[in-house]
Amino acid sequence: MKVEVTDDGSVKRAVKRHGDAMRGLRDMRTPLSRAAVFLDKWVRANFKTQGGKVGGWAPFKDGGRWVRKSQVRGSVRKFQSSGPRAGSGRRTGTRVLDSSARLLQDTRRLYGSFVPFVRRDTAGIGSDVPYAEKHEKGDRSKNLPARRMLPAQREVRRDIDQIFERSVDEARRKEDGK
């Protein structure tokens, strides 16, 4: 699962505006790398705010995450041992509700799986974790709501265009300074 940003004509428009000075921007690696870093920061901020960049993620169904009592560390978290699935472990009372759990972040495997990338004319960020797409799009058969982790291109297009514009301006200044 990934999101990619490719040139939708903004670089071509910048070339027309700046003409010959654009010859200095032959290597697209710099603006593409900057775009990939921007996407990485966007995804990290979205996780930190539990989907705040996309309107928030649907909360846990039961108000928290059910965990085994043996997984409880310290007394800083709030727990309760009642509810529809309390005691649903092998022995009665072996599960508790962790109301301080953070959505999609209990093991940080999903969070850490998002890696920015740059190809010849594309920048993006993606995850190879098998369940990432199910969380991104939701899964009705498992009663799993969609929790968007990646930006839609329309949400980041203006920022990406600005990254390319800055790169064009830098190339132009270099060309003028020669």
Protein backbone atom coordinates (compact mmCIF):
# COMPACT_ATOMS: atom_id res chain seq x y z
CA MET A 1 0.00 0.00 0.00
CA LYS A 2 1.45 3.36 -0.97
CA VAL A 3 0.79 6.88 -2.12
CA GLU A 4 2.85 8.32 -4.95
CA VAL A 5 3.26 11.85 -6.19
CA THR A 6 4.26 12.36 -9.78
CA ASP A 7 4.59 15.53 -11.78
CA ASP A 8 1.14 16.63 -12.88
CA GLY A 9 2.50 19.43 -15.02
CA SER A 10 3.66 21.80 -12.27
CA VAL A 11 7.31 21.35 -13.23
CA LYS A 12 6.50 21.92 -16.90
CA ARG A 13 4.62 25.12 -15.97
CA ALA A 14 7.60 26.26 -13.91
CA VAL A 15 9.93 25.56 -16.86
CA LYS A 16 7.80 27.78 -19.07
CA ARG A 17 7.79 30.57 -16.46
CA HIS A 18 11.51 30.47 -15.80
CA GLY A 19 12.74 29.48 -19.24
CA ASP A 20 16.47 28.89 -19.65
CA ALA A 21 17.19 29.07 -15.94
CA MET A 22 15.44 25.72 -15.60
CA ARG A 23 18.35 23.97 -17.25
CA GLY A 24 19.90 23.98 -13.78
CA LEU A 25 17.12 21.72 -12.53
CA ARG A 26 17.93 18.69 -14.61
CA ASP A 27 18.37 16.47 -11.61
CA MET A 28 14.94 15.88 -10.08
CA ARG A 29 16.32 13.87 -7.15
CA THR A 30 16.46 16.87 -4.83
CA PRO A 31 12.82 18.01 -5.16
CA LEU A 32 11.61 14.41 -5.23
CA SER A 33 13.61 13.62 -2.07
CA ARG A 34 12.13 16.69 -0.40
CA ALA A 35 8.65 15.55 -1.44
CA ALA A 36 9.28 12.08 0.02
CA VAL A 37 10.45 13.63 3.30
CA PHE A 38 7.34 15.82 3.36
CA LEU A 39 5.11 12.76 2.87
CA ASP A 40 6.97 10.92 5.64
CA LYS A 41 6.40 13.82 8.05
CA TRP A 42 2.74 13.96 7.02
CA VAL A 43 2.21 10.25 7.83
CA ARG A 44 4.11 10.52 11.15
CA ALA A 45 1.99 13.53 12.19
CA ASN A 46 -1.18 11.68 11.18
CA PHE A 47 -0.23 8.73 13.41
CA LYS A 48 0.72 11.03 16.29
CA THR A 49 -2.70 12.70 16.16
CA GLN A 50 -4.53 9.38 15.57
CA GLY A 51 -5.80 10.43 12.17
CA GLY A 52 -6.04 14.14 12.91
CA LYS A 53 -4.92 15.04 9.39
CA VAL A 54 -7.86 13.12 7.90
CA GLY A 55 -10.61 14.02 10.36
CA GLY A 56 -9.69 11.51 13.07
CA TRP A 57 -9.81 7.73 13.19
CA ALA A 58 -12.87 5.81 14.33
CA PRO A 59 -12.40 5.02 18.05
CA PHE A 60 -12.07 1.55 19.54
CA LYS A 61 -15.41 -0.22 19.61
CA ASP A 62 -15.29 -0.86 23.37
CA GLY A 63 -13.52 2.37 24.35
CA GLY A 64 -10.09 0.76 24.52
CA ARG A 65 -8.08 -2.29 23.64
CA TRP A 66 -8.58 -5.62 25.38
CA VAL A 67 -5.26 -6.98 26.65
CA ARG A 68 -4.14 -9.79 28.93
CA LYS A 69 -3.43 -8.76 32.48
CA SER A 70 0.15 -9.97 31.98
CA GLN A 71 0.61 -7.22 29.35
CA VAL A 72 -0.18 -4.48 31.87
CA ARG A 73 2.95 -2.59 32.87
CA GLY A 74 2.90 -0.25 35.83
CA SER A 75 -0.08 1.66 37.12
CA VAL A 76 0.06 4.66 34.78
CA ARG A 77 -2.64 3.29 32.48
CA LYS A 78 -6.33 3.21 33.28
CA PHE A 79 -7.88 -0.25 33.24
CA GLN A 80 -11.20 -1.84 33.97
CA SER A 81 -12.02 -5.51 34.09
CA SER A 82 -15.68 -5.37 33.17
CA GLY A 83 -17.50 -5.10 29.88
CA PRO A 84 -18.78 -7.42 27.19
CA ARG A 85 -15.50 -9.27 26.74
CA ALA A 86 -14.04 -9.06 30.23
CA GLY A 87 -12.77 -12.43 31.23
CA SER A 88 -12.84 -13.73 27.67
CA GLY A 89 -9.34 -15.17 28.06
CA ARG A 90 -8.76 -18.80 28.92
CA ARG A 91 -9.39 -18.15 32.59
CA THR A 92 -11.99 -15.82 34.01
CA GLY A 93 -10.70 -12.30 34.56
CA THR A 94 -7.52 -12.61 32.48
CA ARG A 95 -8.37 -9.70 30.14
CA VAL A 96 -8.66 -6.02 30.94
CA LEU A 97 -9.61 -2.97 28.90
CA ASP A 98 -6.71 -0.60 28.24
CA SER A 99 -8.49 2.72 27.75
CA SER A 100 -5.21 4.57 27.13
CA ALA A 101 -4.26 2.43 24.10
CA ARG A 102 -3.47 4.35 20.92
CA LEU A 103 -5.12 3.28 17.68
CA LEU A 104 -2.88 1.34 15.25
CA GLN A 105 0.15 1.90 17.48
CA ASP A 106 0.29 -0.81 20.13
CA THR A 107 3.34 -2.58 18.66
CA ARG A 108 4.46 0.32 16.40
CA ARG A 109 5.05 -2.23 13.61
CA LEU A 110 2.56 -0.55 11.28
CA TYR A 111 3.85 2.94 12.13
CA GLY A 112 7.44 1.89 11.52
CA SER A 113 6.62 0.12 8.26
CA PHE A 114 5.95 3.32 6.31
CA VAL A 115 9.05 4.12 4.28
CA PRO A 116 9.51 7.07 1.93
CA PHE A 117 10.90 6.32 -1.54
CA VAL A 118 12.13 8.14 -4.63
CA ARG A 119 12.20 6.73 -8.13
CA ARG A 120 13.15 8.33 -11.41
CA ASP A 121 10.16 10.70 -11.59
CA THR A 122 8.12 9.70 -8.55
CA ALA A 123 8.23 10.30 -4.81
CA GLY A 124 6.06 8.50 -2.31
CA ILE A 125 5.63 6.62 0.92
CA GLY A 126 4.34 3.13 1.48
CA SER A 127 4.08 0.11 3.74
CA ASP A 128 4.60 -3.55 3.00
CA VAL A 129 2.80 -4.76 6.13
CA PRO A 130 0.04 -7.10 4.92
CA TYR A 131 -2.71 -5.60 7.10
CA ALA A 132 -1.97 -1.95 6.28
CA GLU A 133 -4.42 -1.82 3.39
CA LYS A 134 -7.22 -3.35 5.48
CA HIS A 135 -6.79 -0.60 8.06
CA GLU A 136 -6.51 2.10 5.37
CA LYS A 137 -9.64 1.05 3.50
CA GLY A 138 -11.55 -0.85 6.19
CA ASP A 139 -12.88 -4.40 6.09
CA ARG A 140 -16.63 -4.87 6.47
CA SER A 141 -16.30 -8.64 6.89
CA LYS A 142 -14.23 -8.08 10.06
CA ASN A 143 -16.18 -5.02 11.21
CA LEU A 144 -13.00 -2.95 10.81
CA PRO A 145 -13.57 0.74 10.05
CA ALA A 146 -11.39 2.58 7.55
CA ARG A 147 -8.63 4.54 9.27
CA ARG A 148 -6.73 6.52 6.66
CA MET A 149 -3.02 6.72 7.28
CA LEU A 150 -1.95 8.11 3.90
CA PRO A 151 -2.79 11.45 2.32
CA ALA A 152 -4.89 11.72 -0.82
CA GLN A 153 -2.95 13.46 -3.58
CA ARG A 154 -5.38 16.39 -3.53
CA GLU A 155 -4.55 16.94 0.17
CA VAL A 156 -0.82 17.36 -0.43
CA ARG A 157 -0.67 18.65 -4.02
CA ARG A 158 -0.25 22.31 -3.03
CA ASP A 159 2.62 21.50 -0.64
CA ILE A 160 4.31 19.30 -3.23
CA ASP A 161 3.96 22.04 -5.86
CA GLN A 162 5.60 24.49 -3.45
CA ILE A 163 8.50 22.07 -2.94
CA PHE A 164 9.04 21.94 -6.70
CA GLU A 165 8.65 25.73 -7.02
CA ARG A 166 11.36 26.26 -4.37
CA SER A 167 13.65 23.86 -6.21
CA VAL A 168 13.05 25.73 -9.46
CA ASP A 169 13.82 29.04 -7.73
CA GLU A 170 17.03 27.60 -6.26
CA ALA A 171 18.11 26.33 -9.68
CA ARG A 172 17.34 29.72 -11.18
CA ARG A 173 19.39 31.54 -8.55
CA LYS A 174 22.30 29.17 -9.17
CA GLU A 175 22.02 29.76 -12.91
CA ASP A 176 21.90 33.56 -12.40
CA GLY A 177 24.91 33.42 -10.09
CA LYS A 178 27.16 31.78 -12.71
